[in-house]
């Protein structure tokens, strides 16, 4: 099991719609409000709320408020997620995303990162086949975050 703690800034969105085929997530909101897209609808969760994201369930999240929100997430089993999050940290600090805006280069970088962990994480929208093509292109241009 792996546990992470996240701070989501005001107006910030999570990663594109994704799923974890073999990993179950347990989330507890520590402060603020977050919206999670689960089972084809947006649901708002507040401090103290808990939710479970079952294996293979597509999800994303965002913070539409003017205050930061924090949550703790446990992943069971962890599989290769610790290495994935190290790569995500490198990606987040690479300068490819400016003012929470993705550019074509940042999409290539994120796609390359996701392609390194095909068992742990599967993109839903954009579709996996497109992410794999973008990942290949990103790796050619040196945008590979491990």
Protein backbone atom coordinates (compact mmCIF):
# COMPACT_ATOMS: atom_id res chain seq x y z
CA UNK A 1 0.00 0.00 0.00
CA UNK A 2 1.16 3.54 -0.76
CA UNK A 3 -0.20 6.71 0.81
CA UNK A 4 0.15 10.20 -0.65
CA UNK A 5 -1.04 13.62 0.43
CA UNK A 6 -2.11 16.21 -2.13
CA UNK A 7 -2.76 19.95 -2.07
CA UNK A 8 -4.98 21.12 -4.91
CA UNK A 9 -4.78 24.85 -5.59
CA UNK A 10 -7.85 26.99 -6.35
CA UNK A 11 -9.04 26.46 -9.91
CA UNK A 12 -6.77 23.47 -10.43
CA UNK A 13 -7.84 20.34 -12.25
CA UNK A 14 -6.52 16.84 -11.80
CA UNK A 15 -4.99 14.85 -14.61
CA UNK A 16 -7.11 13.83 -17.60
CA UNK A 17 -9.78 11.17 -17.12
CA UNK A 18 -7.95 7.99 -16.08
CA UNK A 19 -8.34 4.64 -14.37
CA UNK A 20 -6.20 2.17 -12.46
CA UNK A 21 -7.08 -1.35 -13.64
CA UNK A 22 -5.60 -3.18 -10.64
CA UNK A 23 -5.46 -0.52 -7.94
CA UNK A 24 -8.14 0.56 -5.48
CA UNK A 25 -7.95 4.07 -4.02
CA UNK A 26 -9.11 5.21 -0.60
CA UNK A 27 -9.45 9.01 -0.33
CA UNK A 28 -10.08 11.23 2.68
CA UNK A 29 -10.62 14.96 2.20
CA UNK A 30 -8.59 16.82 4.85
CA UNK A 31 -9.61 20.40 4.04
CA UNK A 32 -11.59 22.37 1.51
CA UNK A 33 -13.89 21.06 -1.21
CA UNK A 34 -13.08 18.89 -4.21
CA UNK A 35 -15.20 17.70 -7.09
CA UNK A 36 -14.61 14.17 -8.34
CA UNK A 37 -15.90 12.86 -11.66
CA UNK A 38 -17.11 9.33 -10.88
CA UNK A 39 -19.60 7.11 -12.70
CA UNK A 40 -20.30 9.80 -15.33
CA UNK A 41 -21.17 12.58 -12.90
CA UNK A 42 -19.47 15.24 -10.79
CA UNK A 43 -19.81 14.91 -7.01
CA UNK A 44 -18.56 17.40 -4.42
CA UNK A 45 -16.71 16.19 -1.33
CA UNK A 46 -15.83 18.29 1.74
CA UNK A 47 -13.36 18.02 4.61
CA UNK A 48 -14.01 14.81 6.53
CA UNK A 49 -15.61 13.00 3.57
CA UNK A 50 -14.18 9.70 2.40
CA UNK A 51 -14.54 7.92 -0.90
CA UNK A 52 -13.34 4.76 -2.58
CA UNK A 53 -12.38 4.62 -6.23
CA UNK A 54 -12.66 1.00 -7.26
CA UNK A 55 -10.33 -0.72 -9.67
CA UNK A 56 -10.91 0.22 -13.31
CA UNK A 57 -13.29 3.11 -12.48
CA UNK A 58 -12.58 6.21 -14.62
CA UNK A 59 -12.14 9.37 -12.57
CA UNK A 60 -10.67 12.83 -12.38
CA UNK A 61 -11.06 15.73 -9.97
CA UNK A 62 -10.89 19.51 -9.70
CA UNK A 63 -11.04 22.38 -7.25
CA UNK A 64 -13.51 25.01 -8.41
CA UNK A 65 -13.31 27.02 -5.18
CA UNK A 66 -11.13 30.00 -4.28
CA UNK A 67 -9.34 28.04 -1.50
CA UNK A 68 -6.82 25.21 -1.57
CA UNK A 69 -8.02 21.72 -0.76
CA UNK A 70 -6.08 18.79 0.69
CA UNK A 71 -6.66 15.09 0.54
CA UNK A 72 -4.91 11.85 1.47
CA UNK A 73 -5.02 8.93 -0.94
CA UNK A 74 -4.04 5.32 -0.24
CA UNK A 75 -3.40 2.99 -3.17
CA UNK A 76 -3.84 -0.76 -2.76
CA UNK A 77 -1.81 -2.44 -4.11
CA UNK A 78 0.83 0.21 -4.79
CA UNK A 79 2.46 -1.64 -7.70
CA UNK A 80 4.78 0.86 -9.48
CA UNK A 81 2.99 4.00 -8.34
CA UNK A 82 5.83 5.24 -6.12
CA UNK A 83 8.08 5.48 -9.18
CA UNK A 84 5.22 6.97 -11.22
CA UNK A 85 4.75 9.75 -8.64
CA UNK A 86 8.47 10.49 -8.68
CA UNK A 87 8.17 10.93 -12.44
CA UNK A 88 5.04 13.05 -11.99
CA UNK A 89 6.98 15.28 -9.57
CA UNK A 90 9.73 15.73 -12.20
CA UNK A 91 7.09 16.51 -14.81
CA UNK A 92 5.33 19.05 -12.54
CA UNK A 93 8.64 20.81 -11.88
CA UNK A 94 9.90 20.69 -15.48
CA UNK A 95 8.36 24.03 -16.47
CA UNK A 96 6.27 22.40 -19.20
CA UNK A 97 3.01 23.44 -17.52
CA UNK A 98 2.68 27.20 -17.03
CA UNK A 99 -0.20 28.76 -15.06
CA UNK A 100 -1.99 25.40 -14.97
CA UNK A 101 -2.10 25.40 -18.78
CA UNK A 102 -1.01 22.41 -20.84
CA UNK A 103 0.88 22.99 -24.07
CA UNK A 104 1.58 20.44 -26.78
CA UNK A 105 5.02 19.78 -25.22
CA UNK A 106 3.48 19.20 -21.79
CA UNK A 107 0.94 16.77 -23.30
CA UNK A 108 3.84 14.88 -24.90
CA UNK A 109 5.63 14.76 -21.54
CA UNK A 110 2.61 13.55 -19.59
CA UNK A 111 1.86 10.95 -22.27
CA UNK A 112 5.44 9.68 -22.10
CA UNK A 113 5.18 9.40 -18.32
CA UNK A 114 1.89 7.50 -18.50
CA UNK A 115 3.28 5.12 -21.12
CA UNK A 116 6.01 4.09 -18.68
CA UNK A 117 3.34 2.69 -16.33
CA UNK A 118 0.84 0.87 -18.59
CA UNK A 119 -0.29 -1.58 -15.89
CA UNK A 120 -0.77 1.02 -13.16
CA UNK A 121 -2.57 3.78 -15.07
CA UNK A 122 -4.72 3.87 -18.19
CA UNK A 123 -5.91 7.06 -19.84
CA UNK A 124 -9.60 7.18 -20.70
CA UNK A 125 -9.94 10.59 -22.31
CA UNK A 126 -7.85 11.09 -24.37
CA UNK A 127 -7.98 7.42 -25.38
CA UNK A 128 -5.05 5.10 -24.66
CA UNK A 129 -4.12 4.63 -28.34
CA UNK A 130 -3.68 8.39 -28.78
CA UNK A 131 -1.63 8.71 -25.58
CA UNK A 132 0.68 5.95 -26.84
CA UNK A 133 1.29 7.82 -30.11
CA UNK A 134 1.92 11.08 -28.21
CA UNK A 135 4.23 9.21 -25.80
CA UNK A 136 6.29 7.85 -28.67
CA UNK A 137 6.64 11.38 -30.07
CA UNK A 138 7.45 12.79 -26.63
CA UNK A 139 10.21 10.26 -26.05
CA UNK A 140 11.77 11.12 -29.41
CA UNK A 141 11.97 14.75 -28.25
CA UNK A 142 13.39 13.79 -24.85
CA UNK A 143 10.19 14.37 -22.82
CA UNK A 144 10.40 11.13 -20.85
CA UNK A 145 9.79 11.43 -17.11
CA UNK A 146 10.76 8.41 -15.02
